[in-house]
PDB file of all heavy atoms in Angstrom:
ATOM      1  N   LEU A   1       0.850  -1.206   0.023  1.00  0.00           N
ATOM      2  CA  LEU A   1      -0.047  -0.026   0.002  1.00  0.00           C
ATOM      3  C   LEU A   1       0.854   1.206   0.039  1.00  0.00           C
ATOM      4  O   LEU A   1       0.655   2.196  -0.696  1.00  0.00           O
ATOM      5  CB  LEU A   1      -0.934  -0.012   1.232  1.00  0.00           C
ATOM      6  CG  LEU A   1      -1.892   1.233   1.361  1.00  0.00           C
ATOM      7  CD1 LEU A   1      -2.772   1.404   0.074  1.00  0.00           C
ATOM      8  CD2 LEU A   1      -2.766   1.162   2.640  1.00  0.00           C
ATOM      9  N   ASP A   2       1.920   1.203   0.899  1.00  0.00           N
ATOM     10  CA  ASP A   2       2.762   2.427   0.830  1.00  0.00           C
ATOM     11  C   ASP A   2       3.443   2.719  -0.571  1.00  0.00           C
ATOM     12  O   ASP A   2       3.540   3.786  -0.905  1.00  0.00           O
ATOM     13  CB  ASP A   2       3.950   2.120   1.855  1.00  0.00           C
ATOM     14  CG  ASP A   2       3.406   2.295   3.375  1.00  0.00           C
ATOM     15  OD1 ASP A   2       2.271   2.731   3.506  1.00  0.00           O
ATOM     16  OD2 ASP A   2       4.096   1.799   4.279  1.00  0.00           O
ATOM     17  N   THR A   3       3.909   1.657  -1.157  1.00  0.00           N
ATOM     18  CA  THR A   3       4.388   1.785  -2.523  1.00  0.00           C
ATOM     19  C   THR A   3       3.393   2.364  -3.460  1.00  0.00           C
ATOM     20  O   THR A   3       3.770   3.254  -4.276  1.00  0.00           O
ATOM     21  CB  THR A   3       4.835   0.428  -3.085  1.00  0.00           C
ATOM     22  OG1 THR A   3       5.918  -0.152  -2.135  1.00  0.00           O
ATOM     23  CG2 THR A   3       5.574   0.531  -4.453  1.00  0.00           C
ATOM     24  N   MET A   4       2.070   1.839  -3.388  1.00  0.00           N
ATOM     25  CA  MET A   4       1.088   2.361  -4.325  1.00  0.00           C
ATOM     26  C   MET A   4       0.809   3.923  -3.989  1.00  0.00           C
ATOM     27  O   MET A   4       0.603   4.665  -4.916  1.00  0.00           O
ATOM     28  CB  MET A   4      -0.094   1.566  -4.060  1.00  0.00           C
ATOM     29  CG  MET A   4      -1.029   1.500  -5.150  1.00  0.00           C
ATOM     30  SD  MET A   4      -0.387   0.867  -6.643  1.00  0.00           S
ATOM     31  CE  MET A   4      -0.748  -0.862  -6.412  1.00  0.00           C
ATOM     32  N   LEU A   5       0.892   4.247  -2.676  1.00  0.00           N
ATOM     33  CA  LEU A   5       0.649   5.640  -2.310  1.00  0.00           C
ATOM     34  C   LEU A   5       1.716   6.490  -2.888  1.00  0.00           C
ATOM     35  O   LEU A   5       1.617   7.683  -3.303  1.00  0.00           O
ATOM     36  CB  LEU A   5       0.438   5.810  -0.855  1.00  0.00           C
ATOM     37  CG  LEU A   5      -0.862   5.255  -0.336  1.00  0.00           C
ATOM     38  CD1 LEU A   5      -1.043   5.249   1.198  1.00  0.00           C
ATOM     39  CD2 LEU A   5      -2.159   5.784  -0.973  1.00  0.00           C
ATOM     40  N   LYS A   6       2.979   5.980  -2.884  1.00  0.00           N
ATOM     41  CA  LYS A   6       4.179   6.653  -3.347  1.00  0.00           C
ATOM     42  C   LYS A   6       3.931   6.890  -4.904  1.00  0.00           C
ATOM     43  O   LYS A   6       4.255   8.006  -5.405  1.00  0.00           O
ATOM     44  CB  LYS A   6       5.429   5.780  -3.044  1.00  0.00           C
ATOM     45  CG  LYS A   6       6.710   6.697  -3.025  1.00  0.00           C
ATOM     46  CD  LYS A   6       7.814   6.098  -2.379  1.00  0.00           C
ATOM     47  CE  LYS A   6       8.482   5.133  -3.317  1.00  0.00           C
ATOM     48  NZ  LYS A   6       9.537   4.269  -2.778  1.00  0.00           N
ATOM     49  N   LEU A   7       3.634   5.795  -5.648  1.00  0.00           N
ATOM     50  CA  LEU A   7       3.310   5.917  -7.094  1.00  0.00           C
ATOM     51  C   LEU A   7       2.292   7.020  -7.311  1.00  0.00           C
ATOM     52  O   LEU A   7       2.382   7.704  -8.365  1.00  0.00           O
ATOM     53  CB  LEU A   7       2.863   4.635  -7.651  1.00  0.00           C
ATOM     54  CG  LEU A   7       3.818   3.415  -7.809  1.00  0.00           C
ATOM     55  CD1 LEU A   7       3.106   2.214  -8.358  1.00  0.00           C
ATOM     56  CD2 LEU A   7       5.024   3.799  -8.701  1.00  0.00           C
ATOM     57  N   HIS A   8       1.282   7.038  -6.436  1.00  0.00           N
ATOM     58  CA  HIS A   8       0.250   8.058  -6.625  1.00  0.00           C
ATOM     59  C   HIS A   8       0.865   9.462  -6.516  1.00  0.00           C
ATOM     60  O   HIS A   8       0.612  10.364  -7.318  1.00  0.00           O
ATOM     61  CB  HIS A   8      -0.898   7.881  -5.622  1.00  0.00           C
ATOM     62  CG  HIS A   8      -2.083   8.902  -5.670  1.00  0.00           C
ATOM     63  ND1 HIS A   8      -1.917  10.036  -5.036  1.00  0.00           N
ATOM     64  CD2 HIS A   8      -3.220   8.785  -6.317  1.00  0.00           C
ATOM     65  CE1 HIS A   8      -3.160  10.684  -5.370  1.00  0.00           C
ATOM     66  NE2 HIS A   8      -3.816   9.923  -6.025  1.00  0.00           N
ATOM     67  N   LYS A   9       1.706   9.674  -5.435  1.00  0.00           N
ATOM     68  CA  LYS A   9       2.284  11.005  -5.290  1.00  0.00           C
ATOM     69  C   LYS A   9       3.174  11.435  -6.366  1.00  0.00           C
ATOM     70  O   LYS A   9       3.303  12.572  -6.812  1.00  0.00           O
ATOM     71  CB  LYS A   9       3.013  10.958  -3.939  1.00  0.00           C
ATOM     72  CG  LYS A   9       3.273  12.274  -3.250  1.00  0.00           C
ATOM     73  CD  LYS A   9       3.971  12.029  -1.980  1.00  0.00           C
ATOM     74  CE  LYS A   9       4.204  13.378  -1.175  1.00  0.00           C
ATOM     75  NZ  LYS A   9       2.928  13.991  -0.730  1.00  0.00           N
ATOM     76  N   GLN A  10       3.915  10.420  -6.968  1.00  0.00           N
ATOM     77  CA  GLN A  10       4.844  10.701  -7.931  1.00  0.00           C
ATOM     78  C   GLN A  10       4.252  10.827  -9.349  1.00  0.00           C
ATOM     79  O   GLN A  10       4.867  11.457 -10.318  1.00  0.00           O
ATOM     80  CB  GLN A  10       5.894   9.603  -8.113  1.00  0.00           C
ATOM     81  CG  GLN A  10       6.850   9.514  -6.794  1.00  0.00           C
ATOM     82  CD  GLN A  10       7.664   8.224  -6.797  1.00  0.00           C
ATOM     83  OE1 GLN A  10       7.399   7.253  -7.465  1.00  0.00           O
ATOM     84  NE2 GLN A  10       8.579   8.172  -5.817  1.00  0.00           N
ATOM     85  N   ALA A  11       3.045  10.351  -9.556  1.00  0.00           N
ATOM     86  CA  ALA A  11       2.350  10.300 -10.877  1.00  0.00           C
ATOM     87  C   ALA A  11       2.291  11.784 -11.397  1.00  0.00           C
ATOM     88  O   ALA A  11       1.701  12.695 -10.726  1.00  0.00           O
ATOM     89  CB  ALA A  11       1.082   9.692 -10.748  1.00  0.00           C
ATOM     90  N   ASP A  12       2.711  11.987 -12.621  1.00  0.00           N
ATOM     91  CA  ASP A  12       2.471  13.298 -13.303  1.00  0.00           C
ATOM     92  C   ASP A  12       1.137  13.490 -13.807  1.00  0.00           C
ATOM     93  O   ASP A  12       0.522  14.521 -13.865  1.00  0.00           O
ATOM     94  CB  ASP A  12       3.537  13.436 -14.451  1.00  0.00           C
ATOM     95  CG  ASP A  12       4.963  13.478 -13.925  1.00  0.00           C
ATOM     96  OD1 ASP A  12       5.210  13.845 -12.745  1.00  0.00           O
ATOM     97  OD2 ASP A  12       5.865  12.961 -14.795  1.00  0.00           O
ATOM     98  N   MET A  13       0.630  12.362 -14.366  1.00  0.00           N
ATOM     99  CA  MET A  13      -0.663  12.473 -15.077  1.00  0.00           C
ATOM    100  C   MET A  13      -1.803  12.235 -14.134  1.00  0.00           C
ATOM    101  O   MET A  13      -1.769  11.223 -13.286  1.00  0.00           O
ATOM    102  CB  MET A  13      -0.695  11.354 -16.142  1.00  0.00           C
ATOM    103  CG  MET A  13       0.406  11.400 -17.103  1.00  0.00           C
ATOM    104  SD  MET A  13       0.084  12.563 -18.511  1.00  0.00           S
ATOM    105  CE  MET A  13      -1.135  11.663 -19.341  1.00  0.00           C
ATOM    106  N   GLN A  14      -2.884  13.035 -14.258  1.00  0.00           N
ATOM    107  CA  GLN A  14      -4.026  12.805 -13.364  1.00  0.00           C
ATOM    108  C   GLN A  14      -4.750  11.525 -13.671  1.00  0.00           C
ATOM    109  O   GLN A  14      -5.242  10.835 -12.809  1.00  0.00           O
ATOM    110  CB  GLN A  14      -5.028  13.935 -13.710  1.00  0.00           C
ATOM    111  CG  GLN A  14      -6.237  13.978 -12.694  1.00  0.00           C
ATOM    112  CD  GLN A  14      -5.794  14.114 -11.281  1.00  0.00           C
ATOM    113  OE1 GLN A  14      -4.994  14.885 -10.994  1.00  0.00           O
ATOM    114  NE2 GLN A  14      -6.457  13.257 -10.381  1.00  0.00           N
ATOM    115  N   GLU A  15      -4.627  11.012 -15.020  1.00  0.00           N
ATOM    116  CA  GLU A  15      -5.159   9.670 -15.362  1.00  0.00           C
ATOM    117  C   GLU A  15      -4.584   8.517 -14.424  1.00  0.00           C
ATOM    118  O   GLU A  15      -5.322   7.660 -14.092  1.00  0.00           O
ATOM    119  CB  GLU A  15      -4.823   9.408 -16.835  1.00  0.00           C
ATOM    120  CG  GLU A  15      -5.503   8.164 -17.386  1.00  0.00           C
ATOM    121  CD  GLU A  15      -4.982   7.884 -18.817  1.00  0.00           C
ATOM    122  OE1 GLU A  15      -4.088   8.557 -19.343  1.00  0.00           O
ATOM    123  OE2 GLU A  15      -5.461   6.908 -19.413  1.00  0.00           O
ATOM    124  N   GLU A  16      -3.234   8.621 -14.318  1.00  0.00           N
ATOM    125  CA  GLU A  16      -2.535   7.589 -13.463  1.00  0.00           C
ATOM    126  C   GLU A  16      -3.033   7.735 -12.079  1.00  0.00           C
ATOM    127  O   GLU A  16      -3.200   6.704 -11.371  1.00  0.00           O
ATOM    128  CB  GLU A  16      -1.048   7.631 -13.675  1.00  0.00           C
ATOM    129  CG  GLU A  16      -0.259   6.777 -12.727  1.00  0.00           C
ATOM    130  CD  GLU A  16      -0.296   5.324 -13.010  1.00  0.00           C
ATOM    131  OE1 GLU A  16      -1.086   4.814 -13.891  1.00  0.00           O
ATOM    132  OE2 GLU A  16       0.436   4.468 -12.396  1.00  0.00           O
ATOM    133  N   LYS A  17      -3.100   8.894 -11.526  1.00  0.00           N
ATOM    134  CA  LYS A  17      -3.627   9.181 -10.180  1.00  0.00           C
ATOM    135  C   LYS A  17      -4.900   8.571  -9.964  1.00  0.00           C
ATOM    136  O   LYS A  17      -5.157   7.757  -8.988  1.00  0.00           O
ATOM    137  CB  LYS A  17      -3.582  10.629  -9.806  1.00  0.00           C
ATOM    138  CG  LYS A  17      -2.225  11.296  -9.512  1.00  0.00           C
ATOM    139  CD  LYS A  17      -2.414  12.766  -8.971  1.00  0.00           C
ATOM    140  CE  LYS A  17      -0.988  13.383  -8.785  1.00  0.00           C
ATOM    141  NZ  LYS A  17      -0.097  12.934  -7.843  1.00  0.00           N
ATOM    142  N   ASN A  18      -5.847   8.855 -10.881  1.00  0.00           N
ATOM    143  CA  ASN A  18      -7.152   8.238 -10.822  1.00  0.00           C
ATOM    144  C   ASN A  18      -7.212   6.816 -10.904  1.00  0.00           C
ATOM    145  O   ASN A  18      -8.011   6.094 -10.211  1.00  0.00           O
ATOM    146  CB  ASN A  18      -8.067   8.822 -11.884  1.00  0.00           C
ATOM    147  CG  ASN A  18      -8.481  10.359 -11.788  1.00  0.00           C
ATOM    148  OD1 ASN A  18      -8.603  10.931 -12.738  1.00  0.00           O
ATOM    149  ND2 ASN A  18      -8.351  10.736 -10.551  1.00  0.00           N
ATOM    150  N   ARG A  19      -6.372   6.162 -11.709  1.00  0.00           N
ATOM    151  CA  ARG A  19      -6.210   4.664 -11.913  1.00  0.00           C
ATOM    152  C   ARG A  19      -5.837   4.053 -10.530  1.00  0.00           C
ATOM    153  O   ARG A  19      -6.428   3.096 -10.112  1.00  0.00           O
ATOM    154  CB  ARG A  19      -5.227   4.344 -12.949  1.00  0.00           C
ATOM    155  CG  ARG A  19      -5.077   2.859 -13.157  1.00  0.00           C
ATOM    156  CD  ARG A  19      -3.874   2.630 -14.204  1.00  0.00           C
ATOM    157  NE  ARG A  19      -4.222   2.959 -15.557  1.00  0.00           N
ATOM    158  CZ  ARG A  19      -3.559   3.809 -16.281  1.00  0.00           C
ATOM    159  NH1 ARG A  19      -2.612   4.518 -15.855  1.00  0.00           N
ATOM    160  NH2 ARG A  19      -3.851   3.983 -17.594  1.00  0.00           N
ATOM    161  N   ILE A  20      -4.885   4.694  -9.812  1.00  0.00           N
ATOM    162  CA  ILE A  20      -4.479   4.238  -8.555  1.00  0.00           C
ATOM    163  C   ILE A  20      -5.634   4.356  -7.493  1.00  0.00           C
ATOM    164  O   ILE A  20      -5.908   3.509  -6.722  1.00  0.00           O
ATOM    165  CB  ILE A  20      -3.290   4.860  -8.054  1.00  0.00           C
ATOM    166  CG1 ILE A  20      -2.028   4.423  -9.013  1.00  0.00           C
ATOM    167  CG2 ILE A  20      -2.788   4.508  -6.605  1.00  0.00           C
ATOM    168  CD1 ILE A  20      -0.750   5.378  -8.894  1.00  0.00           C
ATOM    169  N   GLU A  21      -6.244   5.547  -7.578  1.00  0.00           N
ATOM    170  CA  GLU A  21      -7.322   5.689  -6.585  1.00  0.00           C
ATOM    171  C   GLU A  21      -8.393   4.781  -6.614  1.00  0.00           C
ATOM    172  O   GLU A  21      -8.971   4.294  -5.659  1.00  0.00           O
ATOM    173  CB  GLU A  21      -7.824   7.263  -6.839  1.00  0.00           C
ATOM    174  CG  GLU A  21      -6.969   8.303  -6.338  1.00  0.00           C
ATOM    175  CD  GLU A  21      -7.248   9.649  -7.064  1.00  0.00           C
ATOM    176  OE1 GLU A  21      -8.234   9.845  -7.741  1.00  0.00           O
ATOM    177  OE2 GLU A  21      -6.451  10.621  -6.769  1.00  0.00           O
ATOM    178  N   ARG A  22      -8.740   4.402  -7.897  1.00  0.00           N
ATOM    179  CA  ARG A  22      -9.801   3.418  -8.086  1.00  0.00           C
ATOM    180  C   ARG A  22      -9.514   1.985  -7.669  1.00  0.00           C
ATOM    181  O   ARG A  22     -10.449   1.215  -7.256  1.00  0.00           O
ATOM    182  CB  ARG A  22     -10.131   3.280  -9.499  1.00  0.00           C
ATOM    183  CG  ARG A  22     -11.095   4.475 -10.127  1.00  0.00           C
ATOM    184  CD  ARG A  22     -11.690   4.226 -11.377  1.00  0.00           C
ATOM    185  NE  ARG A  22     -10.596   4.048 -12.422  1.00  0.00           N
ATOM    186  CZ  ARG A  22     -10.170   4.968 -13.203  1.00  0.00           C
ATOM    187  NH1 ARG A  22     -10.509   6.251 -13.047  1.00  0.00           N
ATOM    188  NH2 ARG A  22      -9.277   4.690 -14.174  1.00  0.00           N
ATOM    189  N   VAL A  23      -8.202   1.663  -7.496  1.00  0.00           N
ATOM    190  CA  VAL A  23      -7.895   0.301  -7.101  1.00  0.00           C
ATOM    191  C   VAL A  23      -7.516   0.122  -5.641  1.00  0.00           C
ATOM    192  O   VAL A  23      -7.323  -0.971  -5.126  1.00  0.00           O
ATOM    193  CB  VAL A  23      -6.793  -0.278  -7.965  1.00  0.00           C
ATOM    194  CG1 VAL A  23      -7.212  -0.388  -9.439  1.00  0.00           C
ATOM    195  CG2 VAL A  23      -5.413   0.429  -7.857  1.00  0.00           C
ATOM    196  N   LEU A  24      -7.231   1.213  -4.889  1.00  0.00           N
ATOM    197  CA  LEU A  24      -6.677   1.146  -3.489  1.00  0.00           C
ATOM    198  C   LEU A  24      -7.624   0.281  -2.640  1.00  0.00           C
ATOM    199  O   LEU A  24      -7.201  -0.276  -1.706  1.00  0.00           O
ATOM    200  CB  LEU A  24      -6.532   2.562  -2.953  1.00  0.00           C
ATOM    201  CG  LEU A  24      -5.408   3.297  -3.527  1.00  0.00           C
ATOM    202  CD1 LEU A  24      -5.491   4.824  -3.047  1.00  0.00           C
ATOM    203  CD2 LEU A  24      -4.031   2.777  -3.187  1.00  0.00           C
ATOM    204  N   GLY A  25      -8.850   0.303  -2.908  1.00  0.00           N
ATOM    205  CA  GLY A  25      -9.904  -0.479  -2.076  1.00  0.00           C
ATOM    206  C   GLY A  25      -9.683  -2.016  -2.211  1.00  0.00           C
ATOM    207  O   GLY A  25     -10.369  -2.713  -1.467  1.00  0.00           O
ATOM    208  N   ALA A  26      -8.746  -2.436  -3.034  1.00  0.00           N
ATOM    209  CA  ALA A  26      -8.480  -3.917  -3.183  1.00  0.00           C
ATOM    210  C   ALA A  26      -7.851  -4.413  -1.947  1.00  0.00           C
ATOM    211  O   ALA A  26      -7.796  -5.658  -1.699  1.00  0.00           O
ATOM    212  CB  ALA A  26      -7.825  -4.188  -4.404  1.00  0.00           C
ATOM    213  N   ILE A  27      -7.139  -3.526  -1.258  1.00  0.00           N
ATOM    214  CA  ILE A  27      -6.338  -4.001  -0.029  1.00  0.00           C
ATOM    215  C   ILE A  27      -7.307  -4.615   1.012  1.00  0.00           C
ATOM    216  O   ILE A  27      -8.397  -4.209   1.093  1.00  0.00           O
ATOM    217  CB  ILE A  27      -5.553  -2.841   0.624  1.00  0.00           C
ATOM    218  CG1 ILE A  27      -4.404  -3.353   1.448  1.00  0.00           C
ATOM    219  CG2 ILE A  27      -6.552  -1.850   1.448  1.00  0.00           C
ATOM    220  CD1 ILE A  27      -3.208  -3.380   0.692  1.00  0.00           C
ATOM    221  N   SER A  28      -6.843  -5.708   1.710  1.00  0.00           N
ATOM    222  CA  SER A  28      -7.683  -6.607   2.423  1.00  0.00           C
ATOM    223  C   SER A  28      -7.731  -6.304   4.018  1.00  0.00           C
ATOM    224  O   SER A  28      -8.823  -6.457   4.621  1.00  0.00           O
ATOM    225  CB  SER A  28      -7.396  -7.979   2.275  1.00  0.00           C
ATOM    226  OG  SER A  28      -7.371  -8.344   0.878  1.00  0.00           O
ATOM    227  N   GLN A  29      -6.611  -5.938   4.510  1.00  0.00           N
ATOM    228  CA  GLN A  29      -6.470  -5.919   6.024  1.00  0.00           C
ATOM    229  C   GLN A  29      -7.335  -4.609   6.538  1.00  0.00           C
ATOM    230  O   GLN A  29      -7.107  -3.562   5.999  1.00  0.00           O
ATOM    231  CB  GLN A  29      -5.066  -5.781   6.512  1.00  0.00           C
ATOM    232  CG  GLN A  29      -4.194  -6.993   6.086  1.00  0.00           C
ATOM    233  CD  GLN A  29      -3.532  -6.899   4.842  1.00  0.00           C
ATOM    234  OE1 GLN A  29      -4.083  -6.473   3.892  1.00  0.00           O
ATOM    235  NE2 GLN A  29      -2.354  -7.401   4.814  1.00  0.00           N
ATOM    236  N   PRO A  30      -7.988  -4.806   7.636  1.00  0.00           N
ATOM    237  CA  PRO A  30      -8.888  -3.669   8.152  1.00  0.00           C
ATOM    238  C   PRO A  30      -8.079  -2.375   8.462  1.00  0.00           C
ATOM    239  O   PRO A  30      -8.599  -1.361   8.150  1.00  0.00           O
ATOM    240  CB  PRO A  30      -9.415  -4.414   9.512  1.00  0.00           C
ATOM    241  CG  PRO A  30      -9.398  -5.834   9.306  1.00  0.00           C
ATOM    242  CD  PRO A  30      -8.326  -6.106   8.341  1.00  0.00           C
ATOM    243  N   GLU A  31      -6.911  -2.508   8.963  1.00  0.00           N
ATOM    244  CA  GLU A  31      -6.205  -1.346   9.389  1.00  0.00           C
ATOM    245  C   GLU A  31      -5.753  -0.628   8.083  1.00  0.00           C
ATOM    246  O   GLU A  31      -5.645   0.702   8.160  1.00  0.00           O
ATOM    247  CB  GLU A  31      -5.025  -1.525  10.311  1.00  0.00           C
ATOM    248  CG  GLU A  31      -3.850  -2.270   9.747  1.00  0.00           C
ATOM    249  CD  GLU A  31      -4.011  -3.762   9.690  1.00  0.00           C
ATOM    250  OE1 GLU A  31      -5.195  -4.354  10.031  1.00  0.00           O
ATOM    251  OE2 GLU A  31      -3.036  -4.505   9.446  1.00  0.00           O
TER     252      GLU A  31
END
């Protein structure tokens, strides 16, 4: 998850930010 959030922060394109935002909910652990 940390890696994915880092990719989000580094992304230049809004399209890539949105792509990451849409998939973050796949993570399974409650915390």
